[in-house]
Amino acid sequence: MLLLVTENEEHSFWLLDSLLDNRVQSAYYTSGMTGLQTDQFVLRTLLLRRAPRLVQHLDQLKIDIQVVTVRWFVCLFIDALPVETLLRVWDCLFLEGDKILFRVAMALMIHHEETLLSKSTFIDAIETLKTTTNSFYVLDCHHFVHDIYTILGSFSRRQIVKGRAAYQSQSDRSQS
C-alpha cells in the first residue's frame, strides 16, 4: 500500500520502518504476539468504559471481540477499510501512533452498537461485526475520521499505558 502511494521503493521502506519502529508496538509481530494480546486487553477495557452494554451483550453471546479486532490491529486495517479511508487512518497513525488503532476499533464498535445489541444469536452478531468495516459509515472517509475523534471525545495515551501496565501485572501474576 505504501509503495502505491509513494511510488518510490526507498520512501516506502523508510515509512514502513518508521511505522513499525515508532508507531506500532513491535511485540505485535513476535512469536508470542504479546503486544497484540496486551492491546486487545486494553481495547476491551476501553470499550467497557465507553460501551459497557455492548461488551456485556457480546459476553452474553459468548463473543470475544478479538475474533474480529485482532486482524484489524495486526494488519493496521489494511484489509478492512476502503483505500481512501485507510490512507486517512494511516495519516493519523503516523501523527499520533497506535492510539489511532484503538480509536478506529472503538468507533466502529460504538457506531454499530445498537445494531449489535439487537442481535440475539452468536452468528448474527459475528456477521454484523464482520461487516462493520464494509458499511457506508467507513466509505465517507472525512465523516469517519471526524467521528473517530468526536465519538470518543477526550482519549489520552495515559489510558493505553495504564491498560498495558494492568495487563502486564495480571499476566505476571498468572505466571507465578
N, C-alpha and C. Protein backbone atom coordinates (compact mmCIF):
# COMPACT_ATOMS: atom_id res chain seq x y z
N MET A 1 0.84 -1.19 0.00
CA MET A 1 0.00 0.00 0.00
C MET A 1 0.88 1.25 0.00
N LEU A 2 1.93 1.25 0.83
CA LEU A 2 2.81 2.41 0.88
C LEU A 2 3.48 2.66 -0.46
N LEU A 3 3.86 1.59 -1.14
CA LEU A 3 4.50 1.72 -2.44
C LEU A 3 3.55 2.32 -3.46
N LEU A 4 2.30 1.96 -3.39
CA LEU A 4 1.31 2.53 -4.31
C LEU A 4 1.14 4.02 -4.09
N VAL A 5 1.22 4.43 -2.84
CA VAL A 5 1.03 5.83 -2.51
C VAL A 5 2.26 6.67 -2.84
N THR A 6 3.43 6.17 -2.45
CA THR A 6 4.64 6.98 -2.63
C THR A 6 5.27 6.81 -4.00
N GLU A 7 5.04 5.65 -4.62
CA GLU A 7 5.64 5.31 -5.91
C GLU A 7 7.16 5.35 -5.87
N ASN A 8 7.71 5.13 -4.67
CA ASN A 8 9.15 5.15 -4.50
C ASN A 8 9.50 4.09 -3.47
N GLU A 9 10.29 3.11 -3.89
CA GLU A 9 10.61 1.99 -3.01
C GLU A 9 11.33 2.43 -1.74
N GLU A 10 12.29 3.32 -1.88
CA GLU A 10 13.05 3.75 -0.71
C GLU A 10 12.16 4.50 0.27
N HIS A 11 11.33 5.42 -0.22
CA HIS A 11 10.43 6.15 0.67
C HIS A 11 9.46 5.19 1.36
N SER A 12 8.98 4.22 0.61
CA SER A 12 8.06 3.22 1.19
C SER A 12 8.75 2.42 2.28
N PHE A 13 9.99 2.04 2.02
CA PHE A 13 10.75 1.30 3.02
C PHE A 13 10.89 2.10 4.30
N TRP A 14 11.27 3.38 4.19
CA TRP A 14 11.50 4.18 5.38
C TRP A 14 10.20 4.51 6.10
N LEU A 15 9.12 4.66 5.37
CA LEU A 15 7.82 4.85 6.01
C LEU A 15 7.42 3.60 6.80
N LEU A 16 7.62 2.44 6.20
CA LEU A 16 7.30 1.18 6.88
C LEU A 16 8.20 1.01 8.10
N ASP A 17 9.46 1.32 7.96
CA ASP A 17 10.40 1.25 9.08
C ASP A 17 9.93 2.15 10.23
N SER A 18 9.56 3.36 9.90
CA SER A 18 9.09 4.30 10.92
C SER A 18 7.80 3.80 11.56
N LEU A 19 6.93 3.27 10.75
CA LEU A 19 5.66 2.76 11.24
C LEU A 19 5.87 1.64 12.26
N LEU A 20 6.71 0.69 11.90
CA LEU A 20 6.91 -0.48 12.76
C LEU A 20 7.83 -0.21 13.94
N ASP A 21 8.75 0.72 13.80
CA ASP A 21 9.68 1.02 14.89
C ASP A 21 9.14 2.05 15.87
N ASN A 22 8.35 2.98 15.37
CA ASN A 22 7.97 4.12 16.20
C ASN A 22 6.48 4.28 16.45
N ARG A 23 5.64 3.64 15.68
CA ARG A 23 4.20 3.91 15.77
C ARG A 23 3.37 2.74 16.27
N VAL A 24 3.86 1.53 16.09
CA VAL A 24 3.12 0.33 16.48
C VAL A 24 4.04 -0.51 17.35
N GLN A 25 3.48 -1.14 18.37
CA GLN A 25 4.30 -1.99 19.23
C GLN A 25 4.94 -3.09 18.40
N SER A 26 6.24 -3.21 18.48
CA SER A 26 6.93 -4.26 17.73
C SER A 26 6.54 -5.65 18.23
N ALA A 27 6.04 -5.74 19.45
CA ALA A 27 5.64 -7.04 20.00
C ALA A 27 4.36 -7.57 19.36
N TYR A 28 3.76 -6.81 18.46
CA TYR A 28 2.63 -7.33 17.67
C TYR A 28 3.13 -8.47 16.78
N TYR A 29 4.36 -8.35 16.35
CA TYR A 29 4.88 -9.22 15.30
C TYR A 29 5.95 -10.18 15.80
N THR A 30 5.87 -10.56 17.07
CA THR A 30 6.77 -11.56 17.64
C THR A 30 6.04 -12.89 17.70
N SER A 31 6.75 -13.95 17.99
CA SER A 31 6.12 -15.27 18.01
C SER A 31 4.99 -15.36 19.04
N GLY A 32 5.12 -14.72 20.17
CA GLY A 32 4.07 -14.75 21.18
C GLY A 32 3.00 -13.68 21.00
N MET A 33 3.27 -12.73 20.12
CA MET A 33 2.35 -11.61 19.86
C MET A 33 1.89 -10.94 21.16
N THR A 34 2.82 -10.77 22.09
CA THR A 34 2.46 -10.23 23.40
C THR A 34 1.90 -8.82 23.33
N GLY A 35 2.43 -8.01 22.44
CA GLY A 35 1.92 -6.65 22.28
C GLY A 35 0.49 -6.65 21.79
N LEU A 36 0.19 -7.55 20.90
CA LEU A 36 -1.16 -7.66 20.36
C LEU A 36 -2.13 -8.14 21.45
N GLN A 37 -1.72 -9.14 22.20
CA GLN A 37 -2.56 -9.62 23.30
C GLN A 37 -2.82 -8.51 24.31
N THR A 38 -1.78 -7.77 24.61
CA THR A 38 -1.91 -6.66 25.55
C THR A 38 -2.90 -5.63 25.04
N ASP A 39 -2.75 -5.25 23.78
CA ASP A 39 -3.62 -4.21 23.24
C ASP A 39 -5.06 -4.68 23.06
N GLN A 40 -5.27 -5.97 22.87
CA GLN A 40 -6.64 -6.49 22.83
C GLN A 40 -7.29 -6.37 24.21
N PHE A 41 -6.51 -6.63 25.24
CA PHE A 41 -6.99 -6.44 26.62
C PHE A 41 -7.33 -4.96 26.85
N VAL A 42 -6.45 -4.07 26.40
CA VAL A 42 -6.66 -2.63 26.57
C VAL A 42 -7.92 -2.20 25.81
N LEU A 43 -8.09 -2.69 24.59
CA LEU A 43 -9.28 -2.34 23.81
C LEU A 43 -10.55 -2.75 24.55
N ARG A 44 -10.55 -3.95 25.07
CA ARG A 44 -11.73 -4.43 25.82
C ARG A 44 -11.98 -3.54 27.04
N THR A 45 -10.91 -3.17 27.75
CA THR A 45 -11.04 -2.31 28.92
C THR A 45 -11.62 -0.95 28.53
N LEU A 46 -11.13 -0.38 27.45
CA LEU A 46 -11.63 0.91 26.98
C LEU A 46 -13.09 0.81 26.54
N LEU A 47 -13.42 -0.28 25.87
CA LEU A 47 -14.82 -0.48 25.45
C LEU A 47 -15.74 -0.65 26.66
N LEU A 48 -15.25 -1.32 27.69
CA LEU A 48 -16.05 -1.47 28.91
C LEU A 48 -16.41 -0.11 29.51
N ARG A 49 -15.50 0.85 29.40
CA ARG A 49 -15.77 2.20 29.92
C ARG A 49 -16.72 2.97 29.02
N ARG A 50 -16.56 2.82 27.71
CA ARG A 50 -17.34 3.62 26.76
C ARG A 50 -18.65 2.97 26.32
N ALA A 51 -18.67 1.64 26.27
CA ALA A 51 -19.86 0.94 25.79
C ALA A 51 -20.09 -0.33 26.61
N PRO A 52 -20.35 -0.17 27.91
CA PRO A 52 -20.48 -1.35 28.77
C PRO A 52 -21.61 -2.30 28.36
N ARG A 53 -22.73 -1.73 27.89
CA ARG A 53 -23.84 -2.60 27.46
C ARG A 53 -23.43 -3.48 26.28
N LEU A 54 -22.66 -2.92 25.38
CA LEU A 54 -22.21 -3.67 24.22
C LEU A 54 -21.29 -4.82 24.64
N VAL A 55 -20.32 -4.54 25.48
CA VAL A 55 -19.40 -5.58 25.93
C VAL A 55 -20.16 -6.67 26.69
N GLN A 56 -21.07 -6.26 27.54
CA GLN A 56 -21.86 -7.23 28.30
C GLN A 56 -22.71 -8.09 27.36
N HIS A 57 -23.31 -7.48 26.34
CA HIS A 57 -24.12 -8.22 25.38
C HIS A 57 -23.27 -9.22 24.60
N LEU A 58 -22.12 -8.80 24.15
CA LEU A 58 -21.24 -9.71 23.41
C LEU A 58 -20.76 -10.84 24.32
N ASP A 59 -20.50 -10.52 25.58
CA ASP A 59 -20.12 -11.56 26.54
C ASP A 59 -21.25 -12.58 26.71
N GLN A 60 -22.48 -12.10 26.78
CA GLN A 60 -23.63 -13.00 26.92
C GLN A 60 -23.76 -13.93 25.71
N LEU A 61 -23.40 -13.41 24.54
CA LEU A 61 -23.45 -14.22 23.32
C LEU A 61 -22.19 -15.08 23.15
N LYS A 62 -21.27 -14.97 24.12
CA LYS A 62 -20.01 -15.73 24.11
C LYS A 62 -19.12 -15.31 22.92
N ILE A 63 -19.12 -14.01 22.66
CA ILE A 63 -18.30 -13.48 21.57
C ILE A 63 -17.13 -12.72 22.15
N ASP A 64 -15.94 -13.15 21.78
CA ASP A 64 -14.72 -12.44 22.15
C ASP A 64 -14.42 -11.49 20.99
N ILE A 65 -14.38 -10.19 21.28
CA ILE A 65 -14.18 -9.22 20.20
C ILE A 65 -12.86 -9.43 19.46
N GLN A 66 -11.94 -10.13 20.09
CA GLN A 66 -10.65 -10.40 19.44
C GLN A 66 -10.83 -11.18 18.13
N VAL A 67 -11.92 -11.91 18.02
CA VAL A 67 -12.18 -12.67 16.80
C VAL A 67 -12.11 -11.74 15.59
N VAL A 68 -12.58 -10.52 15.76
CA VAL A 68 -12.59 -9.55 14.67
C VAL A 68 -11.44 -8.56 14.77
N THR A 69 -11.17 -8.08 15.96
CA THR A 69 -10.25 -6.95 16.11
C THR A 69 -8.78 -7.31 15.99
N VAL A 70 -8.41 -8.56 16.23
CA VAL A 70 -7.00 -8.96 16.08
C VAL A 70 -6.53 -8.66 14.65
N ARG A 71 -7.33 -9.03 13.68
CA ARG A 71 -6.96 -8.80 12.29
C ARG A 71 -6.81 -7.30 12.01
N TRP A 72 -7.70 -6.51 12.57
CA TRP A 72 -7.62 -5.06 12.37
C TRP A 72 -6.28 -4.53 12.86
N PHE A 73 -5.88 -4.94 14.06
CA PHE A 73 -4.65 -4.42 14.67
C PHE A 73 -3.41 -4.96 13.96
N VAL A 74 -3.35 -6.25 13.69
CA VAL A 74 -2.17 -6.84 13.06
C VAL A 74 -1.94 -6.24 11.67
N CYS A 75 -3.01 -6.10 10.92
CA CYS A 75 -2.90 -5.60 9.54
C CYS A 75 -3.05 -4.09 9.45
N LEU A 76 -3.19 -3.44 10.59
CA LEU A 76 -3.35 -1.98 10.64
C LEU A 76 -4.50 -1.52 9.75
N PHE A 77 -5.56 -2.33 9.70
CA PHE A 77 -6.79 -2.07 8.97
C PHE A 77 -6.65 -2.15 7.46
N ILE A 78 -5.51 -2.61 6.95
CA ILE A 78 -5.27 -2.60 5.51
C ILE A 78 -6.27 -3.45 4.74
N ASP A 79 -6.70 -4.55 5.32
CA ASP A 79 -7.65 -5.41 4.62
C ASP A 79 -9.08 -5.22 5.13
N ALA A 80 -9.29 -4.16 5.89
CA ALA A 80 -10.61 -3.93 6.47
C ALA A 80 -11.29 -2.67 5.95
N LEU A 81 -10.54 -1.62 5.75
CA LEU A 81 -11.12 -0.34 5.37
C LEU A 81 -10.94 -0.04 3.89
N PRO A 82 -11.86 0.74 3.31
CA PRO A 82 -11.66 1.18 1.93
C PRO A 82 -10.37 2.01 1.83
N VAL A 83 -9.75 2.01 0.67
CA VAL A 83 -8.43 2.61 0.50
C VAL A 83 -8.38 4.06 0.96
N GLU A 84 -9.32 4.88 0.54
CA GLU A 84 -9.26 6.30 0.91
C GLU A 84 -9.36 6.47 2.43
N THR A 85 -10.23 5.71 3.05
CA THR A 85 -10.38 5.77 4.50
C THR A 85 -9.12 5.25 5.18
N LEU A 86 -8.59 4.15 4.66
CA LEU A 86 -7.35 3.58 5.21
C LEU A 86 -6.22 4.60 5.17
N LEU A 87 -6.07 5.30 4.08
CA LEU A 87 -4.99 6.28 3.97
C LEU A 87 -5.16 7.42 4.96
N ARG A 88 -6.40 7.83 5.19
CA ARG A 88 -6.64 8.87 6.19
C ARG A 88 -6.30 8.35 7.59
N VAL A 89 -6.69 7.10 7.86
CA VAL A 89 -6.37 6.50 9.16
C VAL A 89 -4.87 6.37 9.33
N TRP A 90 -4.17 5.96 8.27
CA TRP A 90 -2.72 5.86 8.35
C TRP A 90 -2.06 7.21 8.55
N ASP A 91 -2.61 8.27 7.96
CA ASP A 91 -2.09 9.61 8.24
C ASP A 91 -2.14 9.87 9.74
N CYS A 92 -3.28 9.52 10.33
CA CYS A 92 -3.44 9.69 11.78
C CYS A 92 -2.50 8.78 12.55
N LEU A 93 -2.26 7.57 12.03
CA LEU A 93 -1.33 6.63 12.67
C LEU A 93 0.08 7.21 12.71
N PHE A 94 0.52 7.81 11.61
CA PHE A 94 1.85 8.43 11.59
C PHE A 94 1.89 9.65 12.52
N LEU A 95 0.77 10.32 12.66
CA LEU A 95 0.72 11.51 13.50
C LEU A 95 0.70 11.17 14.99
N GLU A 96 -0.21 10.27 15.40
CA GLU A 96 -0.36 10.04 16.83
C GLU A 96 -0.03 8.63 17.28
N GLY A 97 0.43 7.80 16.39
CA GLY A 97 0.85 6.45 16.78
C GLY A 97 -0.31 5.48 16.93
N ASP A 98 -0.04 4.40 17.65
CA ASP A 98 -1.00 3.30 17.74
C ASP A 98 -2.29 3.65 18.46
N LYS A 99 -2.35 4.80 19.08
CA LYS A 99 -3.58 5.26 19.72
C LYS A 99 -4.73 5.27 18.72
N ILE A 100 -4.42 5.54 17.46
CA ILE A 100 -5.46 5.60 16.43
C ILE A 100 -6.09 4.22 16.20
N LEU A 101 -5.35 3.15 16.41
CA LEU A 101 -5.91 1.81 16.24
C LEU A 101 -7.07 1.61 17.22
N PHE A 102 -6.89 2.08 18.44
CA PHE A 102 -7.95 1.98 19.44
C PHE A 102 -9.13 2.86 19.06
N ARG A 103 -8.82 4.07 18.61
CA ARG A 103 -9.89 4.99 18.21
C ARG A 103 -10.75 4.38 17.10
N VAL A 104 -10.10 3.85 16.08
CA VAL A 104 -10.84 3.30 14.94
C VAL A 104 -11.66 2.09 15.37
N ALA A 105 -11.05 1.16 16.09
CA ALA A 105 -11.77 -0.04 16.53
C ALA A 105 -12.96 0.34 17.41
N MET A 106 -12.75 1.25 18.33
CA MET A 106 -13.83 1.66 19.21
C MET A 106 -14.93 2.40 18.46
N ALA A 107 -14.56 3.25 17.54
CA ALA A 107 -15.57 3.97 16.75
C ALA A 107 -16.41 3.00 15.93
N LEU A 108 -15.78 2.01 15.33
CA LEU A 108 -16.53 1.02 14.57
C LEU A 108 -17.51 0.26 15.46
N MET A 109 -17.05 -0.15 16.61
CA MET A 109 -17.91 -0.91 17.53
C MET A 109 -19.03 -0.03 18.08
N ILE A 110 -18.70 1.17 18.51
CA ILE A 110 -19.70 2.05 19.11
C ILE A 110 -20.72 2.51 18.07
N HIS A 111 -20.26 2.79 16.86
CA HIS A 111 -21.19 3.21 15.81
C HIS A 111 -22.23 2.12 15.51
N HIS A 112 -21.82 0.87 15.61
CA HIS A 112 -22.72 -0.24 15.32
C HIS A 112 -23.32 -0.85 16.60
N GLU A 113 -23.19 -0.15 17.71
CA GLU A 113 -23.63 -0.69 18.99
C GLU A 113 -25.11 -1.09 18.99
N GLU A 114 -25.98 -0.22 18.55
CA GLU A 114 -27.42 -0.53 18.58
C GLU A 114 -27.75 -1.73 17.71
N THR A 115 -27.11 -1.82 16.56
CA THR A 115 -27.33 -2.98 15.69
C THR A 115 -26.86 -4.24 16.37
N LEU A 116 -25.68 -4.18 16.97
CA LEU A 116 -25.14 -5.35 17.67
C LEU A 116 -26.01 -5.74 18.86
N LEU A 117 -26.52 -4.75 19.57
CA LEU A 117 -27.38 -5.05 20.72
C LEU A 117 -28.69 -5.71 20.29
N SER A 118 -29.10 -5.47 19.06
CA SER A 118 -30.34 -6.08 18.57
C SER A 118 -30.17 -7.54 18.14
N LYS A 119 -28.93 -7.98 18.04
CA LYS A 119 -28.66 -9.35 17.62
C LYS A 119 -28.77 -10.29 18.81
N SER A 120 -29.48 -11.38 18.61
CA SER A 120 -29.73 -12.29 19.73
C SER A 120 -28.97 -13.62 19.61
N THR A 121 -28.28 -13.80 18.49
CA THR A 121 -27.52 -15.04 18.34
C THR A 121 -26.06 -14.75 18.04
N PHE A 122 -25.25 -15.69 18.37
CA PHE A 122 -23.81 -15.61 18.12
C PHE A 122 -23.54 -15.33 16.64
N ILE A 123 -24.17 -16.11 15.77
CA ILE A 123 -23.93 -15.99 14.32
C ILE A 123 -24.32 -14.60 13.81
N ASP A 124 -25.49 -14.10 14.20
CA ASP A 124 -25.93 -12.78 13.73
C ASP A 124 -24.99 -11.67 14.19
N ALA A 125 -24.56 -11.76 15.43
CA ALA A 125 -23.65 -10.72 15.96
C ALA A 125 -22.29 -10.79 15.27
N ILE A 126 -21.78 -11.99 15.05
CA ILE A 126 -20.48 -12.13 14.37
C ILE A 126 -20.58 -11.59 12.94
N GLU A 127 -21.65 -11.89 12.25
CA GLU A 127 -21.83 -11.37 10.88
C GLU A 127 -21.86 -9.85 10.88
N THR A 128 -22.52 -9.28 11.86
CA THR A 128 -22.56 -7.81 11.96
C THR A 128 -21.17 -7.26 12.24
N LEU A 129 -20.45 -7.88 13.15
CA LEU A 129 -19.08 -7.44 13.45
C LEU A 129 -18.19 -7.51 12.21
N LYS A 130 -18.35 -8.56 11.43
CA LYS A 130 -17.53 -8.71 10.22
C LYS A 130 -17.81 -7.65 9.18
N THR A 131 -19.03 -7.13 9.18
CA THR A 131 -19.40 -6.15 8.15
C THR A 131 -19.26 -4.70 8.61
N THR A 132 -18.81 -4.49 9.84
CA THR A 132 -18.70 -3.10 10.32
C THR A 132 -17.77 -2.26 9.46
N THR A 133 -16.78 -2.89 8.87
CA THR A 133 -15.83 -2.13 8.06
C THR A 133 -16.25 -2.02 6.60
N ASN A 134 -17.37 -2.61 6.24
CA ASN A 134 -17.88 -2.54 4.87
C ASN A 134 -19.09 -1.63 4.75
N SER A 135 -19.46 -1.00 5.82
CA SER A 135 -20.67 -0.18 5.82
C SER A 135 -20.42 1.18 5.17
N PHE A 136 -21.50 1.85 4.85
CA PHE A 136 -21.42 3.19 4.27
C PHE A 136 -20.67 4.13 5.22
N TYR A 137 -20.77 3.84 6.49
CA TYR A 137 -20.13 4.65 7.53
C TYR A 137 -18.64 4.86 7.25
N VAL A 138 -17.93 3.85 6.80
CA VAL A 138 -16.49 3.98 6.57
C VAL A 138 -16.15 4.44 5.16
N LEU A 139 -17.12 4.44 4.27
CA LEU A 139 -16.86 4.88 2.90
C LEU A 139 -16.62 6.39 2.82
N ASP A 140 -17.29 7.14 3.65
CA ASP A 140 -17.09 8.58 3.68
C ASP A 140 -15.95 8.86 4.66
N CYS A 141 -14.73 8.88 4.13
CA CYS A 141 -13.55 8.96 4.99
C CYS A 141 -13.51 10.23 5.83
N HIS A 142 -14.01 11.33 5.28
CA HIS A 142 -13.96 12.59 6.04
C HIS A 142 -14.87 12.50 7.26
N HIS A 143 -16.07 11.99 7.05
CA HIS A 143 -17.01 11.84 8.17
C HIS A 143 -16.48 10.82 9.17
N PHE A 144 -15.93 9.73 8.67
CA PHE A 144 -15.41 8.68 9.56
C PHE A 144 -14.27 9.20 10.43
N VAL A 145 -13.31 9.87 9.83
CA VAL A 145 -12.18 10.39 10.60
C VAL A 145 -12.66 11.43 11.61
N HIS A 146 -13.61 12.24 11.21
CA HIS A 146 -14.20 13.19 12.15
C HIS A 146 -14.81 12.44 13.34
N ASP A 147 -15.54 11.39 13.06
CA ASP A 147 -16.19 10.60 14.10
C ASP A 147 -15.21 9.92 15.05
N ILE A 148 -14.09 9.43 14.52
CA ILE A 148 -13.18 8.71 15.42
C ILE A 148 -12.60 9.64 16.49
N TYR A 149 -12.68 10.93 16.22
CA TYR A 149 -12.22 11.88 17.23
C TYR A 149 -13.37 12.42 18.06
N THR A 150 -14.57 12.54 17.48
CA THR A 150 -15.67 13.13 18.25
C THR A 150 -16.47 12.10 19.04
N ILE A 151 -16.64 10.89 18.53
CA ILE A 151 -17.39 9.86 19.26
C ILE A 151 -16.72 9.57 20.59
N LEU A 152 -15.43 9.48 20.57
CA LEU A 152 -14.71 9.10 21.77
C LEU A 152 -14.37 10.29 22.66
N GLY A 153 -14.45 11.48 22.10
CA GLY A 153 -14.09 12.65 22.88
C GLY A 153 -12.64 12.60 23.31
N SER A 154 -12.38 13.07 24.50
CA SER A 154 -11.02 13.07 25.02
C SER A 154 -10.57 11.63 25.27
N PHE A 155 -9.38 11.36 24.83
CA PHE A 155 -8.86 9.99 24.91
C PHE A 155 -7.35 10.09 25.02
N SER A 156 -6.86 9.87 26.22
CA SER A 156 -5.43 10.11 26.45
C SER A 156 -4.60 8.85 26.27
N ARG A 157 -3.36 9.05 25.89
CA ARG A 157 -2.41 7.94 25.78
C ARG A 157 -2.21 7.28 27.14
N ARG A 158 -2.38 8.07 28.19
CA ARG A 158 -2.23 7.55 29.55
C ARG A 158 -3.17 6.37 29.79
N GLN A 159 -4.38 6.41 29.23
CA GLN A 159 -5.32 5.31 29.39
C GLN A 159 -4.75 4.02 28.78
N ILE A 160 -4.10 4.14 27.65
CA ILE A 160 -3.50 2.97 27.00
C ILE A 160 -2.33 2.46 27.82
N VAL A 161 -1.48 3.37 28.28
CA VAL A 161 -0.32 2.98 29.08
C VAL A 161 -0.76 2.27 30.36
N LYS A 162 -1.79 2.82 31.03
CA LYS A 162 -2.31 2.19 32.25
C LYS A 162 -2.88 0.80 31.94
N GLY A 163 -3.61 0.69 30.85
CA GLY A 163 -4.18 -0.59 30.47
C GLY A 163 -3.12 -1.62 30.16
N ARG A 164 -2.07 -1.20 29.49
CA ARG A 164 -0.96 -2.11 29.19
C ARG A 164 -0.27 -2.56 30.46
N ALA A 165 -0.08 -1.64 31.39
CA ALA A 165 0.55 -1.99 32.67
C ALA A 165 -0.34 -2.95 33.45
N ALA A 166 -1.64 -2.72 33.43
CA ALA A 166 -2.58 -3.61 34.14
C ALA A 166 -2.53 -5.01 33.55
N TYR A 167 -2.47 -5.10 32.24
CA TYR A 167 -2.40 -6.41 31.60
C TYR A 167 -1.09 -7.11 31.97
N GLN A 168 0.00 -6.38 31.93
CA GLN A 168 1.30 -6.94 32.28
C GLN A 168 1.31 -7.46 33.71
N SER A 169 0.74 -6.67 34.61
CA SER A 169 0.67 -7.07 36.01
C SER A 169 -0.18 -8.33 36.17
N GLN A 170 -1.31 -8.36 35.49
CA GLN A 170 -2.20 -9.53 35.53
C GLN A 170 -1.50 -10.75 34.93
N SER A 171 -0.79 -10.54 33.85
CA SER A 171 -0.06 -11.62 33.18
C SER A 171 1.05 -12.17 34.08
N ASP A 172 1.76 -11.26 34.75
CA ASP A 172 2.84 -11.66 35.67
C ASP A 172 2.29 -12.49 36.83
N ARG A 173 1.13 -12.07 37.38
CA ARG A 173 0.53 -12.81 38.49
C ARG A 173 0.08 -14.20 38.06
N SER A 174 -0.45 -14.32 36.85
CA SER A 174 -0.94 -15.62 36.40
C SER A 174 0.20 -16.59 36.09
N GLN A 175 1.38 -16.05 35.79
CA GLN A 175 2.54 -16.91 35.51
C GLN A 175 3.25 -17.35 36.78
N SER A 176 3.00 -16.65 37.89
CA SER A 176 3.68 -17.02 39.14
C SER A 176 2.98 -18.14 39.85
